[in-house]
All heavy atoms as atom14 arrays in JSON, in Angstrom:
{
  "sequence": "SDPEAPPDKIEAEFFTKERPSSLLQRMIEPDEIASLVAY",
  "atom14_mask": [
    [1, 1, 1, 1, 1, 1, 0, 0, 0, 0, 0, 0, 0, 0],
    [1, 1, 1, 1, 1, 1, 1, 1, 0, 0, 0, 0, 0, 0],
    [1, 1, 1, 1, 1, 1, 1, 0, 0, 0, 0, 0, 0, 0],
    [1, 1, 1, 1, 1, 1, 1, 1, 1, 0, 0, 0, 0, 0],
    [1, 1, 1, 1, 1, 0, 0, 0, 0, 0, 0, 0, 0, 0],
    [1, 1, 1, 1, 1, 1, 1, 0, 0, 0, 0, 0, 0, 0],
    [1, 1, 1, 1, 1, 1, 1, 0, 0, 0, 0, 0, 0, 0],
    [1, 1, 1, 1, 1, 1, 1, 1, 0, 0, 0, 0, 0, 0],
    [1, 1, 1, 1, 1, 1, 1, 1, 1, 0, 0, 0, 0, 0],
    [1, 1, 1, 1, 1, 1, 1, 1, 0, 0, 0, 0, 0, 0],
    [1, 1, 1, 1, 1, 1, 1, 1, 1, 0, 0, 0, 0, 0],
    [1, 1, 1, 1, 1, 0, 0, 0, 0, 0, 0, 0, 0, 0],
    [1, 1, 1, 1, 1, 1, 1, 1, 1, 0, 0, 0, 0, 0],
    [1, 1, 1, 1, 1, 1, 1, 1, 1, 1, 1, 0, 0, 0],
    [1, 1, 1, 1, 1, 1, 1, 1, 1, 1, 1, 0, 0, 0],
    [1, 1, 1, 1, 1, 1, 1, 0, 0, 0, 0, 0, 0, 0],
    [1, 1, 1, 1, 1, 1, 1, 1, 1, 0, 0, 0, 0, 0],
    [1, 1, 1, 1, 1, 1, 1, 1, 1, 0, 0, 0, 0, 0],
    [1, 1, 1, 1, 1, 1, 1, 1, 1, 1, 1, 0, 0, 0],
    [1, 1, 1, 1, 1, 1, 1, 0, 0, 0, 0, 0, 0, 0],
    [1, 1, 1, 1, 1, 1, 0, 0, 0, 0, 0, 0, 0, 0],
    [1, 1, 1, 1, 1, 1, 0, 0, 0, 0, 0, 0, 0, 0],
    [1, 1, 1, 1, 1, 1, 1, 1, 0, 0, 0, 0, 0, 0],
    [1, 1, 1, 1, 1, 1, 1, 1, 0, 0, 0, 0, 0, 0],
    [1, 1, 1, 1, 1, 1, 1, 1, 1, 0, 0, 0, 0, 0],
    [1, 1, 1, 1, 1, 1, 1, 1, 1, 1, 1, 0, 0, 0],
    [1, 1, 1, 1, 1, 1, 1, 1, 0, 0, 0, 0, 0, 0],
    [1, 1, 1, 1, 1, 1, 1, 1, 0, 0, 0, 0, 0, 0],
    [1, 1, 1, 1, 1, 1, 1, 1, 1, 0, 0, 0, 0, 0],
    [1, 1, 1, 1, 1, 1, 1, 0, 0, 0, 0, 0, 0, 0],
    [1, 1, 1, 1, 1, 1, 1, 1, 0, 0, 0, 0, 0, 0],
    [1, 1, 1, 1, 1, 1, 1, 1, 1, 0, 0, 0, 0, 0],
    [1, 1, 1, 1, 1, 1, 1, 1, 0, 0, 0, 0, 0, 0],
    [1, 1, 1, 1, 1, 0, 0, 0, 0, 0, 0, 0, 0, 0],
    [1, 1, 1, 1, 1, 1, 0, 0, 0, 0, 0, 0, 0, 0],
    [1, 1, 1, 1, 1, 1, 1, 1, 0, 0, 0, 0, 0, 0],
    [1, 1, 1, 1, 1, 1, 1, 0, 0, 0, 0, 0, 0, 0],
    [1, 1, 1, 1, 1, 0, 0, 0, 0, 0, 0, 0, 0, 0],
    [1, 1, 1, 1, 1, 1, 1, 1, 1, 1, 1, 1, 0, 0]
  ],
  "atom14_positions": [
    [[0.88, -1.27, -0.04], [-0.01, 0.0, 0.02], [0.81, 1.24, -0.04], [0.42, 2.27, -0.54], [-0.95, -0.04, 1.26], [-0.22, -0.1, 2.49], [0.0, 0.0, 0.0], [0.0, 0.0, 0.0], [0.0, 0.0, 0.0], [0.0, 0.0, 0.0], [0.0, 0.0, 0.0], [0.0, 0.0, 0.0], [0.0, 0.0, 0.0], [0.0, 0.0, 0.0]],
    [[2.06, 1.08, 0.52], [3.01, 2.26, 0.56], [4.49, 1.66, 0.08], [5.29, 1.21, 0.89], [3.15, 2.85, 2.01], [4.27, 4.02, 1.97], [4.81, 4.46, 0.89], [4.55, 4.53, 3.11], [0.0, 0.0, 0.0], [0.0, 0.0, 0.0], [0.0, 0.0, 0.0], [0.0, 0.0, 0.0], [0.0, 0.0, 0.0], [0.0, 0.0, 0.0]],
    [[4.74, 1.71, -1.19], [5.94, 1.18, -1.62], [7.28, 1.73, -1.17], [8.3, 1.28, -1.25], [5.88, 1.44, -3.18], [4.51, 1.63, -3.55], [3.82, 2.26, -2.24], [0.0, 0.0, 0.0], [0.0, 0.0, 0.0], [0.0, 0.0, 0.0], [0.0, 0.0, 0.0], [0.0, 0.0, 0.0], [0.0, 0.0, 0.0], [0.0, 0.0, 0.0]],
    [[7.05, 3.07, -0.5], [8.21, 3.63, 0.05], [8.51, 3.37, 1.55], [9.43, 3.94, 2.18], [8.02, 5.26, -0.14], [7.94, 5.76, -1.51], [9.02, 5.31, -2.34], [10.27, 5.48, -1.95], [8.91, 4.88, -3.49], [0.0, 0.0, 0.0], [0.0, 0.0, 0.0], [0.0, 0.0, 0.0], [0.0, 0.0, 0.0], [0.0, 0.0, 0.0]],
    [[7.61, 2.55, 2.05], [7.79, 2.11, 3.54], [9.07, 1.34, 3.65], [9.57, 0.8, 2.73], [6.57, 1.31, 3.94], [0.0, 0.0, 0.0], [0.0, 0.0, 0.0], [0.0, 0.0, 0.0], [0.0, 0.0, 0.0], [0.0, 0.0, 0.0], [0.0, 0.0, 0.0], [0.0, 0.0, 0.0], [0.0, 0.0, 0.0], [0.0, 0.0, 0.0]],
    [[9.62, 1.18, 4.82], [10.73, 0.34, 5.15], [10.5, -1.15, 4.7], [9.38, -1.59, 4.76], [10.96, 0.46, 6.59], [10.17, 1.62, 7.05], [9.11, 1.75, 6.16], [0.0, 0.0, 0.0], [0.0, 0.0, 0.0], [0.0, 0.0, 0.0], [0.0, 0.0, 0.0], [0.0, 0.0, 0.0], [0.0, 0.0, 0.0], [0.0, 0.0, 0.0]],
    [[11.52, -1.87, 4.09], [11.26, -3.26, 3.76], [10.67, -4.14, 4.77], [9.81, -4.95, 4.42], [12.73, -3.63, 3.37], [13.47, -2.49, 2.99], [12.9, -1.3, 3.89], [0.0, 0.0, 0.0], [0.0, 0.0, 0.0], [0.0, 0.0, 0.0], [0.0, 0.0, 0.0], [0.0, 0.0, 0.0], [0.0, 0.0, 0.0], [0.0, 0.0, 0.0]],
    [[11.0, -4.01, 6.04], [10.42, -4.87, 7.02], [8.91, -4.63, 7.19], [8.12, -5.48, 7.33], [11.14, -4.82, 8.26], [11.02, -3.32, 8.99], [11.2, -2.3, 8.2], [11.1, -3.29, 10.24], [0.0, 0.0, 0.0], [0.0, 0.0, 0.0], [0.0, 0.0, 0.0], [0.0, 0.0, 0.0], [0.0, 0.0, 0.0], [0.0, 0.0, 0.0]],
    [[8.45, -3.35, 7.01], [7.06, -3.03, 7.06], [6.3, -3.57, 5.91], [5.21, -4.03, 6.01], [6.81, -1.56, 7.1], [7.51, -0.84, 8.26], [6.72, -1.16, 9.56], [7.23, -0.28, 10.73], [6.97, -0.85, 11.98], [0.0, 0.0, 0.0], [0.0, 0.0, 0.0], [0.0, 0.0, 0.0], [0.0, 0.0, 0.0], [0.0, 0.0, 0.0]],
    [[6.92, -3.54, 4.68], [6.35, -3.99, 3.46], [6.17, -5.58, 3.51], [5.15, -6.08, 3.25], [7.17, -3.62, 2.24], [7.12, -2.09, 1.99], [6.75, -4.39, 1.03], [8.01, -1.48, 0.97], [0.0, 0.0, 0.0], [0.0, 0.0, 0.0], [0.0, 0.0, 0.0], [0.0, 0.0, 0.0], [0.0, 0.0, 0.0], [0.0, 0.0, 0.0]],
    [[7.23, -6.15, 4.03], [7.15, -7.65, 4.26], [6.06, -8.03, 5.25], [5.26, -8.97, 4.91], [8.49, -8.25, 4.71], [8.55, -9.73, 4.86], [9.96, -10.23, 5.32], [10.9, -9.42, 5.15], [9.95, -11.36, 5.78], [0.0, 0.0, 0.0], [0.0, 0.0, 0.0], [0.0, 0.0, 0.0], [0.0, 0.0, 0.0], [0.0, 0.0, 0.0]],
    [[5.88, -7.3, 6.33], [4.94, -7.62, 7.22], [3.63, -7.49, 6.74], [2.61, -8.3, 6.86], [5.04, -6.71, 8.53], [0.0, 0.0, 0.0], [0.0, 0.0, 0.0], [0.0, 0.0, 0.0], [0.0, 0.0, 0.0], [0.0, 0.0, 0.0], [0.0, 0.0, 0.0], [0.0, 0.0, 0.0], [0.0, 0.0, 0.0], [0.0, 0.0, 0.0]],
    [[3.34, -6.43, 5.82], [2.08, -6.21, 5.25], [1.73, -7.26, 4.22], [0.56, -7.76, 4.21], [2.06, -4.84, 4.48], [0.8, -4.62, 3.71], [0.81, -3.37, 2.87], [1.76, -2.59, 2.92], [-0.3, -3.11, 2.26], [0.0, 0.0, 0.0], [0.0, 0.0, 0.0], [0.0, 0.0, 0.0], [0.0, 0.0, 0.0], [0.0, 0.0, 0.0]],
    [[2.73, -7.77, 3.46], [2.59, -8.95, 2.61], [2.01, -10.01, 3.34], [1.06, -10.8, 2.81], [3.9, -9.22, 1.91], [3.83, -10.49, 1.06], [3.22, -10.41, -0.25], [4.42, -11.63, 1.54], [3.23, -11.62, -0.99], [4.3, -12.86, 0.72], [3.67, -12.81, -0.47], [0.0, 0.0, 0.0], [0.0, 0.0, 0.0], [0.0, 0.0, 0.0]],
    [[2.55, -10.46, 4.39], [2.24, -11.61, 5.13], [0.92, -11.44, 5.83], [0.01, -12.38, 5.9], [3.28, -12.1, 6.09], [4.32, -12.86, 5.36], [5.49, -12.26, 5.04], [4.21, -14.17, 5.16], [6.47, -12.95, 4.45], [5.16, -14.93, 4.43], [6.33, -14.24, 4.08], [0.0, 0.0, 0.0], [0.0, 0.0, 0.0], [0.0, 0.0, 0.0]],
    [[0.57, -10.27, 6.19], [-0.85, -10.06, 6.84], [-1.9, -10.1, 5.77], [-2.87, -10.86, 5.95], [-0.89, -8.67, 7.4], [0.19, -8.59, 8.44], [-2.25, -8.29, 7.91], [0.0, 0.0, 0.0], [0.0, 0.0, 0.0], [0.0, 0.0, 0.0], [0.0, 0.0, 0.0], [0.0, 0.0, 0.0], [0.0, 0.0, 0.0], [0.0, 0.0, 0.0]],
    [[-1.59, -9.6, 4.5], [-2.59, -9.67, 3.52], [-2.62, -10.8, 2.6], [-3.65, -11.35, 2.23], [-2.55, -8.32, 2.7], [-2.81, -7.06, 3.29], [-2.74, -5.77, 2.4], [-3.17, -4.56, 3.04], [-3.01, -3.48, 2.08], [0.0, 0.0, 0.0], [0.0, 0.0, 0.0], [0.0, 0.0, 0.0], [0.0, 0.0, 0.0], [0.0, 0.0, 0.0]],
    [[-1.45, -11.24, 2.21], [-1.3, -12.26, 1.13], [-0.99, -13.71, 1.74], [-1.31, -14.74, 1.03], [-0.21, -11.9, 0.06], [-0.32, -10.65, -0.54], [-1.49, -10.45, -1.47], [-1.99, -11.47, -1.97], [-1.93, -9.38, -1.63], [0.0, 0.0, 0.0], [0.0, 0.0, 0.0], [0.0, 0.0, 0.0], [0.0, 0.0, 0.0], [0.0, 0.0, 0.0]],
    [[-0.3, -13.82, 2.85], [-0.02, -15.14, 3.4], [-0.4, -15.17, 4.84], [0.43, -15.56, 5.72], [1.48, -15.32, 3.17], [1.96, -15.39, 1.74], [1.52, -16.71, 1.01], [2.16, -16.72, -0.33], [1.79, -16.13, -1.44], [0.73, -15.28, -1.42], [2.46, -16.33, -2.49], [0.0, 0.0, 0.0], [0.0, 0.0, 0.0], [0.0, 0.0, 0.0]],
    [[-1.61, -15.01, 5.19], [-2.1, -14.92, 6.6], [-1.85, -16.36, 7.26], [-1.72, -16.3, 8.59], [-3.5, -14.48, 6.67], [-3.93, -14.82, 5.2], [-2.78, -14.68, 4.25], [0.0, 0.0, 0.0], [0.0, 0.0, 0.0], [0.0, 0.0, 0.0], [0.0, 0.0, 0.0], [0.0, 0.0, 0.0], [0.0, 0.0, 0.0], [0.0, 0.0, 0.0]],
    [[-1.76, -17.37, 6.5], [-1.58, -18.74, 7.18], [-0.21, -19.04, 7.43], [0.1, -19.95, 8.18], [-2.29, -19.77, 6.25], [-1.52, -19.85, 5.08], [0.0, 0.0, 0.0], [0.0, 0.0, 0.0], [0.0, 0.0, 0.0], [0.0, 0.0, 0.0], [0.0, 0.0, 0.0], [0.0, 0.0, 0.0], [0.0, 0.0, 0.0], [0.0, 0.0, 0.0]],
    [[0.71, -18.33, 7.14], [2.11, -18.54, 7.36], [2.4, -18.47, 8.88], [2.01, -17.44, 9.64], [3.05, -17.4, 6.71], [4.46, -17.55, 7.17], [0.0, 0.0, 0.0], [0.0, 0.0, 0.0], [0.0, 0.0, 0.0], [0.0, 0.0, 0.0], [0.0, 0.0, 0.0], [0.0, 0.0, 0.0], [0.0, 0.0, 0.0], [0.0, 0.0, 0.0]],
    [[3.08, -19.54, 9.4], [3.33, -19.66, 10.79], [4.57, -18.66, 11.16], [4.59, -18.05, 12.15], [3.64, -21.04, 11.19], [2.57, -22.0, 11.01], [3.04, -23.46, 11.36], [1.41, -21.65, 11.84], [0.0, 0.0, 0.0], [0.0, 0.0, 0.0], [0.0, 0.0, 0.0], [0.0, 0.0, 0.0], [0.0, 0.0, 0.0], [0.0, 0.0, 0.0]],
    [[5.56, -18.46, 10.18], [6.62, -17.71, 10.4], [6.31, -16.28, 10.29], [6.91, -15.38, 10.88], [7.74, -18.03, 9.44], [8.46, -19.38, 9.62], [9.52, -19.56, 8.46], [9.07, -19.41, 10.93], [0.0, 0.0, 0.0], [0.0, 0.0, 0.0], [0.0, 0.0, 0.0], [0.0, 0.0, 0.0], [0.0, 0.0, 0.0], [0.0, 0.0, 0.0]],
    [[5.45, -15.82, 9.32], [5.07, -14.45, 9.1], [6.41, -13.69, 8.66], [6.51, -12.52, 9.01], [4.42, -13.85, 10.27], [3.01, -14.28, 10.47], [2.05, -13.9, 9.31], [1.86, -12.81, 9.12], [1.43, -14.96, 8.62], [0.0, 0.0, 0.0], [0.0, 0.0, 0.0], [0.0, 0.0, 0.0], [0.0, 0.0, 0.0], [0.0, 0.0, 0.0]],
    [[7.09, -14.3, 7.85], [8.38, -13.73, 7.29], [8.86, -14.52, 6.14], [8.48, -15.63, 5.88], [9.59, -13.54, 8.28], [10.06, -14.91, 8.83], [11.27, -14.73, 9.54], [11.82, -15.94, 10.17], [12.56, -16.92, 9.53], [12.82, -16.77, 8.2], [12.87, -17.96, 10.09], [0.0, 0.0, 0.0], [0.0, 0.0, 0.0], [0.0, 0.0, 0.0]],
    [[9.72, -13.85, 5.33], [10.36, -14.7, 4.21], [11.17, -15.69, 4.85], [11.94, -15.54, 5.8], [11.25, -13.74, 3.32], [10.29, -12.65, 2.43], [9.42, -13.62, 1.18], [8.3, -12.34, 0.65], [0.0, 0.0, 0.0], [0.0, 0.0, 0.0], [0.0, 0.0, 0.0], [0.0, 0.0, 0.0], [0.0, 0.0, 0.0], [0.0, 0.0, 0.0]],
    [[11.36, -16.76, 4.03], [12.32, -17.88, 4.31], [13.75, -17.47, 3.86], [13.81, -16.8, 2.76], [12.01, -19.18, 3.76], [10.6, -19.62, 4.32], [13.0, -20.26, 3.93], [9.84, -20.7, 3.47], [0.0, 0.0, 0.0], [0.0, 0.0, 0.0], [0.0, 0.0, 0.0], [0.0, 0.0, 0.0], [0.0, 0.0, 0.0], [0.0, 0.0, 0.0]],
    [[14.72, -17.57, 4.58], [16.11, -17.24, 4.15], [16.65, -18.38, 3.37], [16.37, -19.61, 3.63], [17.01, -16.91, 5.35], [16.63, -15.73, 6.2], [16.76, -14.44, 5.49], [17.7, -14.37, 4.56], [16.05, -13.51, 5.7], [0.0, 0.0, 0.0], [0.0, 0.0, 0.0], [0.0, 0.0, 0.0], [0.0, 0.0, 0.0], [0.0, 0.0, 0.0]],
    [[17.45, -18.08, 2.37], [17.95, -19.13, 1.53], [18.7, -20.25, 2.33], [18.65, -21.44, 2.03], [18.9, -18.43, 0.55], [18.24, -17.08, 0.43], [17.73, -16.82, 1.84], [0.0, 0.0, 0.0], [0.0, 0.0, 0.0], [0.0, 0.0, 0.0], [0.0, 0.0, 0.0], [0.0, 0.0, 0.0], [0.0, 0.0, 0.0], [0.0, 0.0, 0.0]],
    [[19.45, -19.82, 3.43], [20.23, -20.77, 4.18], [19.25, -21.74, 4.92], [19.58, -22.87, 5.18], [21.16, -20.14, 5.15], [20.49, -19.29, 6.24], [19.4, -18.75, 5.99], [21.2, -19.15, 7.23], [0.0, 0.0, 0.0], [0.0, 0.0, 0.0], [0.0, 0.0, 0.0], [0.0, 0.0, 0.0], [0.0, 0.0, 0.0], [0.0, 0.0, 0.0]],
    [[17.99, -21.41, 5.12], [17.03, -22.4, 5.69], [16.65, -23.45, 4.7], [16.47, -24.66, 5.15], [15.76, -21.56, 6.18], [16.09, -20.65, 7.38], [14.92, -19.73, 7.69], [14.36, -19.14, 6.9], [14.54, -19.83, 8.94], [0.0, 0.0, 0.0], [0.0, 0.0, 0.0], [0.0, 0.0, 0.0], [0.0, 0.0, 0.0], [0.0, 0.0, 0.0]],
    [[16.55, -23.14, 3.54], [16.34, -24.12, 2.41], [17.64, -25.04, 2.33], [17.5, -26.2, 2.19], [16.01, -23.48, 1.2], [14.63, -22.71, 1.39], [15.87, -24.49, -0.03], [14.12, -21.91, 0.19], [0.0, 0.0, 0.0], [0.0, 0.0, 0.0], [0.0, 0.0, 0.0], [0.0, 0.0, 0.0], [0.0, 0.0, 0.0], [0.0, 0.0, 0.0]],
    [[18.74, -24.38, 2.32], [20.0, -25.05, 2.16], [20.26, -26.08, 3.29], [20.67, -27.19, 3.05], [21.24, -24.05, 2.19], [0.0, 0.0, 0.0], [0.0, 0.0, 0.0], [0.0, 0.0, 0.0], [0.0, 0.0, 0.0], [0.0, 0.0, 0.0], [0.0, 0.0, 0.0], [0.0, 0.0, 0.0], [0.0, 0.0, 0.0], [0.0, 0.0, 0.0]],
    [[19.63, -25.74, 4.58], [19.86, -26.8, 5.6], [19.14, -28.03, 5.31], [19.46, -29.13, 5.58], [19.29, -26.08, 6.84], [20.1, -24.97, 7.31], [0.0, 0.0, 0.0], [0.0, 0.0, 0.0], [0.0, 0.0, 0.0], [0.0, 0.0, 0.0], [0.0, 0.0, 0.0], [0.0, 0.0, 0.0], [0.0, 0.0, 0.0], [0.0, 0.0, 0.0]],
    [[17.77, -27.89, 4.69], [17.06, -29.14, 4.41], [17.75, -29.87, 3.28], [17.85, -31.07, 3.24], [15.74, -28.63, 4.07], [14.76, -29.91, 3.72], [14.6, -30.91, 4.92], [13.42, -29.43, 3.36], [0.0, 0.0, 0.0], [0.0, 0.0, 0.0], [0.0, 0.0, 0.0], [0.0, 0.0, 0.0], [0.0, 0.0, 0.0], [0.0, 0.0, 0.0]],
    [[18.31, -29.09, 2.21], [19.06, -29.79, 1.26], [20.23, -30.51, 1.72], [20.44, -31.66, 1.37], [19.51, -28.77, 0.15], [20.56, -29.34, -0.87], [18.33, -28.14, -0.43], [0.0, 0.0, 0.0], [0.0, 0.0, 0.0], [0.0, 0.0, 0.0], [0.0, 0.0, 0.0], [0.0, 0.0, 0.0], [0.0, 0.0, 0.0], [0.0, 0.0, 0.0]],
    [[21.01, -29.95, 2.65], [22.07, -30.71, 3.36], [21.71, -31.91, 4.01], [22.31, -33.03, 3.95], [22.76, -29.7, 4.26], [0.0, 0.0, 0.0], [0.0, 0.0, 0.0], [0.0, 0.0, 0.0], [0.0, 0.0, 0.0], [0.0, 0.0, 0.0], [0.0, 0.0, 0.0], [0.0, 0.0, 0.0], [0.0, 0.0, 0.0], [0.0, 0.0, 0.0]],
    [[20.49, -31.76, 4.75], [20.01, -32.93, 5.49], [19.61, -34.06, 4.47], [19.96, -35.25, 4.53], [18.74, -32.65, 6.29], [17.91, -33.83, 6.65], [18.36, -34.66, 7.65], [16.69, -34.11, 5.99], [17.58, -35.81, 7.87], [15.99, -35.19, 6.29], [16.38, -36.08, 7.39], [15.58, -37.22, 7.64], [0.0, 0.0, 0.0], [0.0, 0.0, 0.0]]
  ]
}
């Protein structure tokens, strides 16, 4: 709704509006995927 807002606010809005079922309510970091790949 405000593209000039700080990135963390934009991310929070995305999860509130677009991904409300997300348990993490944040983007996954690539190293989190890499950990599963390593396993």
